[in-house]
């Protein structure tokens, strides 16, 4: 059974954060809250943990994985950011936006789109996930708590089939979500808040002159 770490949403307890960070550095995978859906995550730099996340999600190695950074300057360490893209992102972070960008050599190959050499990066507007990232010193993988392989990217999921034929795991009440994942992850982070069922907006910035919205989610963009 997964260990449950309960954290204050605004002032996460340092001792508990230290336990979470130690587990992540040891290759653990977690279920944790973000400013969008609950996510499955791990230390970006732990190859064994990333492989466990892929296995859990049944994702092939040609499917890229999104990860969370602590700030816009942190993004620039892991992606090549042009001046135009910097201006685009500056007004949107932190927030519910995933940016598709050319990756730097710091990004592990296991996380990348192997053909395009691109990666999906977010800066969450969420105190607990931000605290974990900063304490860990590395970005954390962020793939939605959904057990079906996705068609668009790691965080996207299929539209719920109506009439009760199929129910997306992300749309479960939190207590059911925790129960579903209690035997699948090493630990669960609970900040006591109600979770959202809305995913992030995905913006492709690989052509910095023509940003493209690949998926409209929680974040609204009016100037693209």
N, C-alpha and C. Protein backbone atom coordinates (compact mmCIF):
# COMPACT_ATOMS: atom_id res chain seq x y z
N UNK A 1 0.84 -1.21 0.00
CA UNK A 1 0.00 0.00 0.00
C UNK A 1 0.87 1.26 0.00
N UNK A 2 0.43 2.24 -0.73
CA UNK A 2 1.18 3.49 -0.82
C UNK A 2 1.13 4.26 0.49
N UNK A 3 2.26 4.87 0.84
CA UNK A 3 2.30 5.80 1.96
C UNK A 3 1.58 7.08 1.55
N UNK A 4 0.79 7.66 2.45
CA UNK A 4 0.12 8.94 2.17
C UNK A 4 0.80 10.03 2.98
N UNK A 5 1.32 11.03 2.27
CA UNK A 5 1.91 12.20 2.91
C UNK A 5 0.91 13.35 2.84
N UNK A 6 0.51 13.83 3.99
CA UNK A 6 -0.46 14.94 4.05
C UNK A 6 0.28 16.25 4.32
N UNK A 7 0.02 17.22 3.45
CA UNK A 7 0.72 18.49 3.52
C UNK A 7 -0.25 19.66 3.59
N UNK A 8 0.14 20.70 4.29
CA UNK A 8 -0.65 21.93 4.28
C UNK A 8 -0.50 22.56 2.89
N UNK A 9 -1.60 23.01 2.27
CA UNK A 9 -1.51 23.52 0.89
C UNK A 9 -0.69 24.80 0.75
N UNK A 10 -0.65 25.61 1.79
CA UNK A 10 0.07 26.89 1.70
C UNK A 10 1.43 26.86 2.40
N UNK A 11 1.54 26.07 3.44
CA UNK A 11 2.79 25.98 4.19
C UNK A 11 3.16 24.51 4.40
N UNK A 12 3.63 23.83 3.33
CA UNK A 12 3.96 22.40 3.45
C UNK A 12 5.02 22.17 4.53
N UNK A 13 4.80 21.15 5.34
CA UNK A 13 5.69 20.85 6.45
C UNK A 13 7.07 20.42 5.93
N UNK A 14 8.14 21.11 6.33
CA UNK A 14 9.50 20.79 5.83
C UNK A 14 9.90 19.34 6.07
N UNK A 15 9.54 18.78 7.22
CA UNK A 15 9.93 17.40 7.51
C UNK A 15 9.29 16.43 6.52
N UNK A 16 8.03 16.66 6.21
CA UNK A 16 7.34 15.78 5.25
C UNK A 16 7.89 15.97 3.85
N UNK A 17 8.18 17.22 3.49
CA UNK A 17 8.79 17.48 2.18
C UNK A 17 10.12 16.75 2.07
N UNK A 18 10.90 16.74 3.14
CA UNK A 18 12.20 16.05 3.14
C UNK A 18 12.01 14.55 2.92
N UNK A 19 10.95 13.97 3.50
CA UNK A 19 10.67 12.55 3.31
C UNK A 19 10.28 12.26 1.85
N UNK A 20 9.49 13.15 1.28
CA UNK A 20 9.08 13.00 -0.12
C UNK A 20 10.29 13.08 -1.05
N UNK A 21 11.14 14.06 -0.82
CA UNK A 21 12.33 14.25 -1.64
C UNK A 21 13.25 13.03 -1.54
N UNK A 22 13.43 12.51 -0.34
CA UNK A 22 14.28 11.33 -0.16
C UNK A 22 13.73 10.14 -0.94
N UNK A 23 12.41 9.97 -0.91
CA UNK A 23 11.79 8.86 -1.64
C UNK A 23 11.96 9.04 -3.15
N UNK A 24 11.79 10.27 -3.64
CA UNK A 24 11.95 10.53 -5.07
C UNK A 24 13.38 10.27 -5.51
N UNK A 25 14.34 10.69 -4.71
CA UNK A 25 15.74 10.45 -5.06
C UNK A 25 16.09 8.98 -5.04
N UNK A 26 15.29 8.21 -4.31
CA UNK A 26 15.51 6.77 -4.23
C UNK A 26 14.77 6.02 -5.34
N UNK A 27 14.12 6.76 -6.26
CA UNK A 27 13.45 6.14 -7.40
C UNK A 27 11.98 5.86 -7.23
N UNK A 28 11.34 6.48 -6.24
CA UNK A 28 9.91 6.26 -6.01
C UNK A 28 9.07 7.00 -7.04
N UNK A 29 7.86 6.50 -7.27
CA UNK A 29 6.88 7.22 -8.08
C UNK A 29 5.72 7.60 -7.20
N UNK A 30 5.04 8.71 -7.54
CA UNK A 30 4.02 9.26 -6.66
C UNK A 30 2.77 9.68 -7.42
N UNK A 31 1.69 9.80 -6.69
CA UNK A 31 0.47 10.45 -7.16
C UNK A 31 0.40 11.76 -6.40
N UNK A 32 0.28 12.88 -7.11
CA UNK A 32 0.36 14.17 -6.41
C UNK A 32 -0.53 15.22 -7.09
N UNK A 33 -0.92 16.25 -6.33
CA UNK A 33 -1.79 17.29 -6.88
C UNK A 33 -1.01 18.34 -7.65
N UNK A 34 -1.65 18.91 -8.66
CA UNK A 34 -1.10 20.04 -9.39
C UNK A 34 -2.21 21.08 -9.50
N UNK A 35 -1.98 22.13 -10.27
CA UNK A 35 -3.02 23.13 -10.49
C UNK A 35 -4.02 22.68 -11.55
N UNK A 36 -3.78 21.49 -12.13
CA UNK A 36 -4.78 20.90 -13.04
C UNK A 36 -5.22 19.58 -12.43
N UNK A 37 -5.00 18.46 -13.10
CA UNK A 37 -5.41 17.17 -12.58
C UNK A 37 -4.38 16.60 -11.62
N UNK A 38 -4.78 15.57 -10.86
CA UNK A 38 -3.80 14.80 -10.11
C UNK A 38 -2.87 14.12 -11.11
N UNK A 39 -1.58 14.05 -10.77
CA UNK A 39 -0.59 13.53 -11.71
C UNK A 39 0.21 12.39 -11.10
N UNK A 40 0.74 11.55 -11.98
CA UNK A 40 1.72 10.54 -11.60
C UNK A 40 3.08 11.16 -11.89
N UNK A 41 4.00 11.06 -10.94
CA UNK A 41 5.27 11.72 -11.15
C UNK A 41 6.44 11.04 -10.48
N UNK A 42 7.63 11.54 -10.79
CA UNK A 42 8.88 11.04 -10.22
C UNK A 42 9.97 12.06 -10.52
N UNK A 43 11.14 11.80 -10.03
CA UNK A 43 12.30 12.63 -10.32
C UNK A 43 12.65 12.47 -11.80
N UNK A 44 12.73 13.59 -12.52
CA UNK A 44 13.06 13.55 -13.95
C UNK A 44 14.37 12.81 -14.21
N UNK A 45 15.30 12.89 -13.27
CA UNK A 45 16.62 12.33 -13.48
C UNK A 45 16.77 10.87 -13.02
N UNK A 46 15.69 10.28 -12.56
CA UNK A 46 15.74 8.88 -12.14
C UNK A 46 15.23 7.99 -13.28
N UNK A 47 16.16 7.36 -13.99
CA UNK A 47 15.79 6.53 -15.14
C UNK A 47 14.87 5.40 -14.73
N UNK A 48 15.16 4.74 -13.61
CA UNK A 48 14.33 3.61 -13.17
C UNK A 48 12.92 4.07 -12.84
N UNK A 49 12.79 5.26 -12.23
CA UNK A 49 11.46 5.78 -11.89
C UNK A 49 10.68 6.15 -13.14
N UNK A 50 11.35 6.80 -14.10
CA UNK A 50 10.67 7.16 -15.36
C UNK A 50 10.19 5.89 -16.06
N UNK A 51 11.00 4.85 -16.04
CA UNK A 51 10.60 3.59 -16.65
C UNK A 51 9.38 3.00 -15.93
N UNK A 52 9.31 3.15 -14.62
CA UNK A 52 8.15 2.65 -13.87
C UNK A 52 6.89 3.44 -14.24
N UNK A 53 7.05 4.75 -14.42
CA UNK A 53 5.90 5.58 -14.82
C UNK A 53 5.41 5.14 -16.19
N UNK A 54 6.33 4.93 -17.13
CA UNK A 54 5.95 4.47 -18.47
C UNK A 54 5.21 3.13 -18.41
N UNK A 55 5.72 2.23 -17.59
CA UNK A 55 5.09 0.92 -17.47
C UNK A 55 3.70 1.04 -16.88
N UNK A 56 3.55 1.87 -15.85
CA UNK A 56 2.25 2.07 -15.23
C UNK A 56 1.24 2.65 -16.21
N UNK A 57 1.70 3.62 -17.01
CA UNK A 57 0.82 4.26 -17.99
C UNK A 57 0.69 3.48 -19.30
N UNK A 58 1.47 2.39 -19.42
CA UNK A 58 1.50 1.60 -20.65
C UNK A 58 1.86 2.48 -21.85
N UNK A 59 2.87 3.31 -21.65
CA UNK A 59 3.31 4.24 -22.69
C UNK A 59 4.58 3.73 -23.36
N UNK A 60 4.59 3.70 -24.67
CA UNK A 60 5.78 3.31 -25.41
C UNK A 60 6.82 4.42 -25.33
N UNK A 61 8.06 4.09 -25.66
CA UNK A 61 9.15 5.06 -25.53
C UNK A 61 9.09 6.20 -26.55
N UNK A 62 8.20 6.11 -27.54
CA UNK A 62 8.08 7.20 -28.49
C UNK A 62 7.04 8.23 -28.05
N UNK A 63 6.46 8.02 -26.88
CA UNK A 63 5.52 8.98 -26.32
C UNK A 63 6.28 9.88 -25.34
N UNK A 64 6.31 11.20 -25.58
CA UNK A 64 7.04 12.09 -24.67
C UNK A 64 6.33 12.23 -23.33
N UNK A 65 7.09 12.61 -22.33
CA UNK A 65 6.55 12.85 -21.00
C UNK A 65 6.72 14.31 -20.63
N UNK A 66 5.67 14.92 -20.15
CA UNK A 66 5.75 16.29 -19.66
C UNK A 66 6.41 16.31 -18.28
N UNK A 67 7.12 17.39 -17.98
CA UNK A 67 7.64 17.55 -16.63
C UNK A 67 7.44 18.98 -16.15
N UNK A 68 7.49 19.14 -14.83
CA UNK A 68 7.25 20.43 -14.19
C UNK A 68 8.57 21.06 -13.77
N UNK A 69 8.71 22.35 -14.07
CA UNK A 69 9.84 23.14 -13.62
C UNK A 69 9.37 24.17 -12.60
N UNK A 70 10.32 24.77 -11.91
CA UNK A 70 9.97 25.70 -10.84
C UNK A 70 9.72 27.12 -11.33
N UNK A 71 10.27 27.48 -12.49
CA UNK A 71 10.18 28.86 -12.95
C UNK A 71 10.49 28.93 -14.44
N UNK A 72 10.31 30.12 -15.01
CA UNK A 72 10.63 30.33 -16.41
C UNK A 72 12.14 30.19 -16.64
N UNK A 73 12.95 30.69 -15.72
CA UNK A 73 14.40 30.54 -15.86
C UNK A 73 14.81 29.08 -15.75
N UNK A 74 14.08 28.30 -14.95
CA UNK A 74 14.33 26.87 -14.85
C UNK A 74 14.00 26.16 -16.16
N UNK A 75 12.93 26.59 -16.83
CA UNK A 75 12.58 26.05 -18.14
C UNK A 75 13.74 26.22 -19.11
N UNK A 76 14.39 27.39 -19.06
CA UNK A 76 15.47 27.69 -20.00
C UNK A 76 16.67 26.77 -19.83
N UNK A 77 16.76 26.06 -18.72
CA UNK A 77 17.84 25.08 -18.54
C UNK A 77 17.55 23.80 -19.33
N UNK A 78 16.27 23.51 -19.53
CA UNK A 78 15.88 22.24 -20.14
C UNK A 78 15.29 22.38 -21.54
N UNK A 79 15.10 23.61 -22.01
CA UNK A 79 14.56 23.85 -23.35
C UNK A 79 15.24 25.06 -23.96
N UNK A 80 15.35 25.04 -25.29
CA UNK A 80 15.87 26.19 -26.01
C UNK A 80 14.74 27.20 -26.19
N UNK A 81 14.88 28.34 -25.52
CA UNK A 81 13.81 29.34 -25.48
C UNK A 81 14.26 30.59 -26.23
N UNK A 82 13.58 30.88 -27.32
CA UNK A 82 13.88 32.10 -28.09
C UNK A 82 13.32 33.31 -27.36
N UNK A 83 13.73 34.50 -27.79
CA UNK A 83 13.21 35.73 -27.19
C UNK A 83 11.70 35.83 -27.37
N UNK A 84 11.22 35.43 -28.55
CA UNK A 84 9.78 35.48 -28.82
C UNK A 84 9.02 34.53 -27.89
N UNK A 85 9.55 33.33 -27.73
CA UNK A 85 8.89 32.36 -26.85
C UNK A 85 8.96 32.79 -25.39
N UNK A 86 10.05 33.42 -25.01
CA UNK A 86 10.16 33.94 -23.65
C UNK A 86 9.05 34.94 -23.37
N UNK A 87 8.81 35.84 -24.31
CA UNK A 87 7.75 36.84 -24.15
C UNK A 87 6.38 36.17 -24.08
N UNK A 88 6.18 35.13 -24.88
CA UNK A 88 4.90 34.42 -24.86
C UNK A 88 4.67 33.75 -23.52
N UNK A 89 5.69 33.08 -23.01
CA UNK A 89 5.53 32.32 -21.77
C UNK A 89 5.51 33.19 -20.52
N UNK A 90 6.16 34.34 -20.58
CA UNK A 90 6.32 35.17 -19.39
C UNK A 90 4.98 35.53 -18.75
N UNK A 91 3.98 35.79 -19.59
CA UNK A 91 2.67 36.18 -19.05
C UNK A 91 1.79 34.99 -18.67
N UNK A 92 2.28 33.77 -18.95
CA UNK A 92 1.45 32.58 -18.74
C UNK A 92 1.94 31.69 -17.59
N UNK A 93 3.14 31.95 -17.08
CA UNK A 93 3.66 31.12 -16.00
C UNK A 93 3.77 31.94 -14.71
N UNK A 94 3.51 31.30 -13.57
CA UNK A 94 3.03 29.91 -13.46
C UNK A 94 1.56 29.81 -13.83
N UNK A 95 1.16 28.63 -14.28
CA UNK A 95 -0.23 28.45 -14.67
C UNK A 95 -0.46 27.15 -15.40
N UNK A 96 -1.70 26.90 -15.82
CA UNK A 96 -2.08 25.62 -16.43
C UNK A 96 -1.76 25.52 -17.92
N UNK A 97 -0.49 25.72 -18.25
CA UNK A 97 -0.06 25.68 -19.64
C UNK A 97 1.13 24.74 -19.80
N UNK A 98 1.05 23.89 -20.80
CA UNK A 98 2.17 23.02 -21.17
C UNK A 98 2.76 23.54 -22.46
N UNK A 99 4.08 23.78 -22.46
CA UNK A 99 4.76 24.31 -23.64
C UNK A 99 5.59 23.21 -24.30
N UNK A 100 5.39 23.04 -25.60
CA UNK A 100 6.20 22.11 -26.38
C UNK A 100 7.37 22.89 -26.96
N UNK A 101 8.58 22.47 -26.56
CA UNK A 101 9.78 23.23 -26.90
C UNK A 101 10.93 22.28 -27.30
N UNK A 102 11.90 22.78 -28.07
CA UNK A 102 13.09 21.97 -28.36
C UNK A 102 13.88 21.74 -27.06
N UNK A 103 14.27 20.51 -26.82
CA UNK A 103 14.91 20.17 -25.55
C UNK A 103 16.42 20.43 -25.60
N UNK A 104 16.99 20.72 -24.43
CA UNK A 104 18.44 20.80 -24.31
C UNK A 104 18.97 19.41 -23.95
N UNK A 105 20.28 19.30 -23.86
CA UNK A 105 20.91 18.02 -23.57
C UNK A 105 20.68 17.56 -22.13
N UNK A 106 20.15 18.45 -21.29
CA UNK A 106 19.87 18.06 -19.91
C UNK A 106 18.67 17.13 -19.79
N UNK A 107 17.81 17.15 -20.80
CA UNK A 107 16.60 16.33 -20.75
C UNK A 107 16.94 14.89 -21.12
N UNK A 108 16.63 13.93 -20.25
CA UNK A 108 16.92 12.53 -20.56
C UNK A 108 16.19 12.07 -21.82
N UNK A 109 16.85 11.25 -22.63
CA UNK A 109 16.24 10.77 -23.88
C UNK A 109 14.96 10.00 -23.64
N UNK A 110 14.86 9.36 -22.49
CA UNK A 110 13.68 8.55 -22.17
C UNK A 110 12.42 9.40 -22.04
N UNK A 111 12.59 10.71 -21.92
CA UNK A 111 11.46 11.63 -21.73
C UNK A 111 11.05 12.30 -23.03
N UNK A 112 11.97 12.37 -24.00
CA UNK A 112 11.78 13.15 -25.22
C UNK A 112 10.87 12.50 -26.25
N UNK A 113 10.36 13.34 -27.15
CA UNK A 113 9.83 12.86 -28.42
C UNK A 113 11.05 12.50 -29.25
N UNK A 114 11.28 11.22 -29.56
CA UNK A 114 12.54 10.79 -30.19
C UNK A 114 12.76 11.35 -31.59
N UNK A 115 11.70 11.67 -32.30
CA UNK A 115 11.85 12.17 -33.66
C UNK A 115 12.08 13.68 -33.68
N UNK A 116 11.31 14.40 -32.91
CA UNK A 116 11.38 15.86 -32.93
C UNK A 116 12.38 16.42 -31.92
N UNK A 117 12.80 15.61 -30.95
CA UNK A 117 13.70 16.07 -29.88
C UNK A 117 13.08 17.24 -29.12
N UNK A 118 11.79 17.13 -28.90
CA UNK A 118 11.07 18.16 -28.16
C UNK A 118 10.57 17.61 -26.83
N UNK A 119 10.17 18.51 -25.97
CA UNK A 119 9.67 18.12 -24.66
C UNK A 119 8.53 19.01 -24.25
N UNK A 120 7.68 18.53 -23.35
CA UNK A 120 6.59 19.32 -22.81
C UNK A 120 6.95 19.76 -21.39
N UNK A 121 6.85 21.06 -21.13
CA UNK A 121 7.25 21.61 -19.83
C UNK A 121 6.15 22.52 -19.28
N UNK A 122 5.94 22.42 -17.97
CA UNK A 122 4.98 23.30 -17.29
C UNK A 122 5.63 23.93 -16.06
N UNK A 123 5.11 25.08 -15.67
CA UNK A 123 5.41 25.68 -14.37
C UNK A 123 4.07 25.79 -13.65
N UNK A 124 3.82 24.91 -12.68
CA UNK A 124 2.49 24.89 -12.04
C UNK A 124 2.28 26.05 -11.08
N UNK A 125 1.07 26.53 -11.04
CA UNK A 125 0.68 27.53 -10.04
C UNK A 125 0.11 26.78 -8.84
N UNK A 126 0.99 26.07 -8.14
CA UNK A 126 0.56 25.17 -7.08
C UNK A 126 1.67 25.06 -6.04
N UNK A 127 1.36 25.48 -4.83
CA UNK A 127 2.37 25.58 -3.79
C UNK A 127 3.06 24.29 -3.45
N UNK A 128 2.32 23.20 -3.32
CA UNK A 128 2.91 21.93 -2.91
C UNK A 128 3.84 21.38 -3.98
N UNK A 129 3.39 21.34 -5.23
CA UNK A 129 4.25 20.80 -6.28
C UNK A 129 5.47 21.70 -6.49
N UNK A 130 5.30 23.00 -6.37
CA UNK A 130 6.45 23.92 -6.47
C UNK A 130 7.46 23.65 -5.36
N UNK A 131 6.97 23.44 -4.16
CA UNK A 131 7.87 23.18 -3.02
C UNK A 131 8.65 21.89 -3.23
N UNK A 132 7.99 20.86 -3.75
CA UNK A 132 8.66 19.59 -4.01
C UNK A 132 9.77 19.76 -5.04
N UNK A 133 9.46 20.48 -6.14
CA UNK A 133 10.45 20.70 -7.20
C UNK A 133 11.67 21.43 -6.65
N UNK A 134 11.43 22.49 -5.90
CA UNK A 134 12.53 23.30 -5.38
C UNK A 134 13.38 22.51 -4.38
N UNK A 135 12.72 21.72 -3.53
CA UNK A 135 13.46 20.93 -2.54
C UNK A 135 14.25 19.81 -3.21
N UNK A 136 13.69 19.22 -4.25
CA UNK A 136 14.35 18.13 -4.96
C UNK A 136 15.55 18.64 -5.76
N UNK A 137 15.39 19.83 -6.33
CA UNK A 137 16.46 20.38 -7.16
C UNK A 137 16.42 19.91 -8.59
N UNK A 138 15.43 19.09 -8.93
CA UNK A 138 15.21 18.61 -10.30
C UNK A 138 13.75 18.79 -10.66
N UNK A 139 13.43 18.90 -11.95
CA UNK A 139 12.03 18.86 -12.36
C UNK A 139 11.40 17.51 -12.02
N UNK A 140 10.07 17.47 -11.99
CA UNK A 140 9.37 16.21 -11.74
C UNK A 140 8.44 15.89 -12.91
N UNK A 141 8.40 14.61 -13.26
CA UNK A 141 7.50 14.13 -14.31
C UNK A 141 6.06 14.43 -13.90
N UNK A 142 5.24 14.78 -14.89
CA UNK A 142 3.83 15.07 -14.63
C UNK A 142 2.98 14.48 -15.74
N UNK A 143 2.43 13.31 -15.49
CA UNK A 143 1.53 12.67 -16.44
C UNK A 143 0.22 12.36 -15.73
N UNK A 144 -0.89 12.66 -16.36
CA UNK A 144 -2.18 12.59 -15.69
C UNK A 144 -2.46 11.22 -15.11
N UNK A 145 -3.20 11.20 -14.04
CA UNK A 145 -3.55 9.95 -13.35
C UNK A 145 -4.62 9.22 -14.16
N UNK A 146 -4.17 8.67 -15.25
CA UNK A 146 -5.03 8.02 -16.22
C UNK A 146 -4.30 6.78 -16.71
N UNK A 147 -4.97 5.65 -16.73
CA UNK A 147 -4.29 4.40 -17.01
C UNK A 147 -4.36 3.97 -18.46
N UNK A 148 -4.98 4.80 -19.32
CA UNK A 148 -5.03 4.46 -20.74
C UNK A 148 -3.97 5.25 -21.48
N UNK A 149 -3.36 4.65 -22.51
CA UNK A 149 -2.36 5.35 -23.30
C UNK A 149 -3.04 6.46 -24.08
N UNK A 150 -2.38 7.62 -24.18
CA UNK A 150 -2.96 8.80 -24.79
C UNK A 150 -2.55 8.95 -26.24
N UNK A 151 -3.39 9.65 -26.98
CA UNK A 151 -3.12 9.86 -28.39
C UNK A 151 -2.36 11.15 -28.67
N UNK A 152 -2.59 12.19 -27.86
CA UNK A 152 -1.97 13.48 -28.15
C UNK A 152 -0.65 13.65 -27.45
N UNK A 153 -0.62 13.53 -26.15
CA UNK A 153 0.63 13.57 -25.39
C UNK A 153 0.38 12.95 -24.04
N UNK A 154 1.38 12.98 -23.20
CA UNK A 154 1.31 12.26 -21.94
C UNK A 154 0.21 12.74 -21.01
N UNK A 155 -0.17 14.01 -21.09
CA UNK A 155 -1.14 14.52 -20.14
C UNK A 155 -2.56 14.49 -20.70
N UNK A 156 -2.69 14.32 -22.01
CA UNK A 156 -4.00 14.32 -22.63
C UNK A 156 -4.72 13.01 -22.36
N UNK A 157 -6.05 13.04 -22.28
CA UNK A 157 -6.77 11.79 -22.18
C UNK A 157 -8.06 11.84 -22.98
N UNK A 158 -8.56 10.67 -23.31
CA UNK A 158 -9.73 10.56 -24.16
C UNK A 158 -10.95 11.16 -23.49
N UNK A 159 -11.87 11.66 -24.30
CA UNK A 159 -13.12 12.19 -23.78
C UNK A 159 -13.93 11.06 -23.16
N UNK A 160 -14.52 11.35 -22.04
CA UNK A 160 -15.31 10.33 -21.36
C UNK A 160 -16.46 9.88 -22.25
N UNK A 161 -16.62 8.56 -22.38
CA UNK A 161 -17.74 8.03 -23.13
C UNK A 161 -18.99 8.13 -22.25
N UNK A 162 -20.02 8.69 -22.80
CA UNK A 162 -21.22 8.96 -22.03
C UNK A 162 -22.01 7.69 -21.75
N UNK A 163 -23.10 7.85 -21.04
CA UNK A 163 -24.03 6.77 -20.70
C UNK A 163 -23.40 5.68 -19.83
N UNK A 164 -22.36 6.06 -19.11
CA UNK A 164 -21.80 5.13 -18.14
C UNK A 164 -20.98 4.00 -18.72
N UNK A 165 -20.65 4.04 -19.99
CA UNK A 165 -19.89 2.94 -20.60
C UNK A 165 -18.42 2.98 -20.20
N UNK A 166 -17.90 4.19 -19.93
CA UNK A 166 -16.50 4.31 -19.57
C UNK A 166 -16.33 5.56 -18.73
N UNK A 167 -15.46 5.48 -17.73
CA UNK A 167 -15.23 6.60 -16.85
C UNK A 167 -13.74 6.84 -16.72
N UNK A 168 -13.32 8.07 -16.98
CA UNK A 168 -11.90 8.37 -16.89
C UNK A 168 -11.46 8.36 -15.44
N UNK A 169 -10.29 7.77 -15.18
CA UNK A 169 -9.78 7.69 -13.81
C UNK A 169 -9.61 9.07 -13.21
N UNK A 170 -9.20 10.06 -14.04
CA UNK A 170 -8.99 11.41 -13.54
C UNK A 170 -10.27 12.04 -13.01
N UNK A 171 -11.43 11.53 -13.43
CA UNK A 171 -12.69 12.12 -13.04
C UNK A 171 -13.29 11.49 -11.79
N UNK A 172 -12.56 10.57 -11.18
CA UNK A 172 -13.03 9.96 -9.95
C UNK A 172 -12.92 10.94 -8.79
N UNK A 173 -13.80 10.85 -7.79
CA UNK A 173 -13.61 11.61 -6.55
C UNK A 173 -12.26 11.24 -5.95
N UNK A 174 -11.69 12.15 -5.17
CA UNK A 174 -10.33 11.95 -4.68
C UNK A 174 -10.17 10.67 -3.88
N UNK A 175 -11.12 10.35 -3.04
CA UNK A 175 -11.00 9.14 -2.21
C UNK A 175 -10.94 7.89 -3.08
N UNK A 176 -11.68 7.88 -4.18
CA UNK A 176 -11.65 6.74 -5.10
C UNK A 176 -10.35 6.73 -5.90
N UNK A 177 -9.88 7.93 -6.27
CA UNK A 177 -8.62 8.03 -6.99
C UNK A 177 -7.48 7.47 -6.15
N UNK A 178 -7.46 7.85 -4.87
CA UNK A 178 -6.41 7.36 -3.97
C UNK A 178 -6.49 5.84 -3.83
N UNK A 179 -7.71 5.35 -3.70
CA UNK A 179 -7.88 3.90 -3.55
C UNK A 179 -7.40 3.17 -4.80
N UNK A 180 -7.68 3.73 -5.96
CA UNK A 180 -7.30 3.11 -7.24
C UNK A 180 -5.78 3.01 -7.37
N UNK A 181 -5.08 4.05 -6.87
CA UNK A 181 -3.63 4.09 -7.06
C UNK A 181 -2.84 3.62 -5.84
N UNK A 182 -3.50 3.23 -4.79
CA UNK A 182 -2.80 2.89 -3.55
C UNK A 182 -1.85 1.70 -3.71
N UNK A 183 -2.12 0.82 -4.68
CA UNK A 183 -1.24 -0.32 -4.91
C UNK A 183 -0.38 -0.16 -6.16
N UNK A 184 -0.47 1.03 -6.79
CA UNK A 184 0.23 1.24 -8.06
C UNK A 184 1.41 2.19 -7.94
N UNK A 185 1.37 3.08 -6.93
CA UNK A 185 2.46 4.03 -6.73
C UNK A 185 3.09 3.80 -5.37
N UNK A 186 4.25 4.40 -5.15
CA UNK A 186 4.94 4.23 -3.87
C UNK A 186 4.37 5.12 -2.78
N UNK A 187 3.94 6.33 -3.17
CA UNK A 187 3.33 7.20 -2.17
C UNK A 187 2.37 8.18 -2.83
N UNK A 188 1.48 8.74 -2.03
CA UNK A 188 0.46 9.69 -2.47
C UNK A 188 0.62 10.97 -1.68
N UNK A 189 0.56 12.10 -2.37
CA UNK A 189 0.63 13.40 -1.71
C UNK A 189 -0.78 13.98 -1.65
N UNK A 190 -1.22 14.36 -0.47
CA UNK A 190 -2.55 14.92 -0.27
C UNK A 190 -2.41 16.27 0.42
N UNK A 191 -2.81 17.33 -0.29
CA UNK A 191 -2.74 18.66 0.32
C UNK A 191 -4.08 19.11 0.89
N UNK A 192 -5.03 18.19 0.94
CA UNK A 192 -6.31 18.47 1.56
C UNK A 192 -7.31 19.22 0.70
N UNK A 193 -6.90 19.65 -0.48
CA UNK A 193 -7.79 20.43 -1.33
C UNK A 193 -8.54 19.52 -2.31
N UNK A 194 -9.66 20.04 -2.81
CA UNK A 194 -10.39 19.33 -3.85
C UNK A 194 -9.60 19.44 -5.15
N UNK A 195 -9.53 18.33 -5.90
CA UNK A 195 -8.75 18.38 -7.13
C UNK A 195 -9.63 18.76 -8.31
N UNK A 196 -9.00 19.33 -9.33
CA UNK A 196 -9.71 19.70 -10.55
C UNK A 196 -9.71 18.53 -11.52
N UNK A 197 -10.64 18.57 -12.45
CA UNK A 197 -10.71 17.52 -13.48
C UNK A 197 -10.28 18.06 -14.84
N UNK A 198 -9.76 19.29 -14.86
CA UNK A 198 -9.41 19.92 -16.13
C UNK A 198 -7.90 19.85 -16.37
N UNK A 199 -7.52 19.51 -17.59
CA UNK A 199 -6.11 19.40 -17.97
C UNK A 199 -5.57 20.76 -18.40
N UNK A 200 -4.28 20.82 -18.64
CA UNK A 200 -3.65 22.07 -19.06
C UNK A 200 -3.90 22.35 -20.55
N UNK A 201 -3.71 23.59 -20.92
CA UNK A 201 -3.70 23.98 -22.33
C UNK A 201 -2.30 23.71 -22.89
N UNK A 202 -2.23 23.04 -24.02
CA UNK A 202 -0.93 22.71 -24.64
C UNK A 202 -0.65 23.69 -25.78
N UNK A 203 0.52 24.34 -25.71
CA UNK A 203 0.92 25.31 -26.73
C UNK A 203 2.23 24.85 -27.36
N UNK A 204 2.20 24.65 -28.67
CA UNK A 204 3.40 24.25 -29.40
C UNK A 204 4.19 25.51 -29.76
N UNK A 205 5.41 25.60 -29.19
CA UNK A 205 6.26 26.76 -29.44
C UNK A 205 7.50 26.39 -30.26
N UNK A 206 7.45 25.28 -30.95
CA UNK A 206 8.61 24.87 -31.74
C UNK A 206 8.84 25.80 -32.93
N UNK A 207 7.78 26.44 -33.42
CA UNK A 207 7.91 27.51 -34.40
C UNK A 207 7.59 28.80 -33.65
N UNK A 208 8.63 29.51 -33.21
CA UNK A 208 8.39 30.64 -32.31
C UNK A 208 7.66 31.80 -32.97
N UNK A 209 7.59 31.82 -34.29
CA UNK A 209 6.84 32.88 -34.98
C UNK A 209 5.36 32.56 -35.09
N UNK A 210 5.02 31.28 -34.92
CA UNK A 210 3.62 30.87 -35.07
C UNK A 210 3.24 29.87 -33.97
N UNK A 211 3.06 30.34 -32.74
CA UNK A 211 2.62 29.43 -31.67
C UNK A 211 1.28 28.81 -32.02
N UNK A 212 1.11 27.55 -31.63
CA UNK A 212 -0.12 26.84 -31.98
C UNK A 212 -0.69 26.15 -30.74
N UNK A 213 -1.97 26.34 -30.51
CA UNK A 213 -2.64 25.65 -29.42
C UNK A 213 -3.03 24.25 -29.89
N UNK A 214 -2.43 23.23 -29.27
CA UNK A 214 -2.73 21.85 -29.65
C UNK A 214 -3.91 21.30 -28.88
N UNK A 215 -4.13 21.83 -27.69
CA UNK A 215 -5.28 21.40 -26.88
C UNK A 215 -5.71 22.55 -26.00
N UNK A 216 -6.99 22.85 -26.02
CA UNK A 216 -7.52 23.87 -25.12
C UNK A 216 -7.92 23.23 -23.81
N UNK A 217 -7.30 23.64 -22.75
CA UNK A 217 -7.61 23.11 -21.42
C UNK A 217 -8.00 24.21 -20.49
N UNK A 218 -7.53 24.12 -19.26
CA UNK A 218 -7.91 25.07 -18.23
C UNK A 218 -7.41 26.48 -18.52
N UNK A 219 -6.22 26.61 -19.11
CA UNK A 219 -5.66 27.94 -19.36
C UNK A 219 -6.23 28.60 -20.60
N UNK A 220 -6.58 29.87 -20.47
CA UNK A 220 -7.12 30.64 -21.60
C UNK A 220 -6.03 31.51 -22.19
N UNK A 221 -5.91 31.51 -23.52
CA UNK A 221 -4.94 32.32 -24.23
C UNK A 221 -5.67 33.16 -25.25
N UNK A 222 -5.46 34.48 -25.22
CA UNK A 222 -6.21 35.35 -26.12
C UNK A 222 -5.37 35.97 -27.21
N UNK A 223 -4.01 35.86 -27.09
CA UNK A 223 -3.17 36.59 -28.02
C UNK A 223 -2.47 35.73 -29.05
N UNK A 224 -2.76 34.43 -29.08
CA UNK A 224 -2.13 33.57 -30.09
C UNK A 224 -2.99 33.51 -31.35
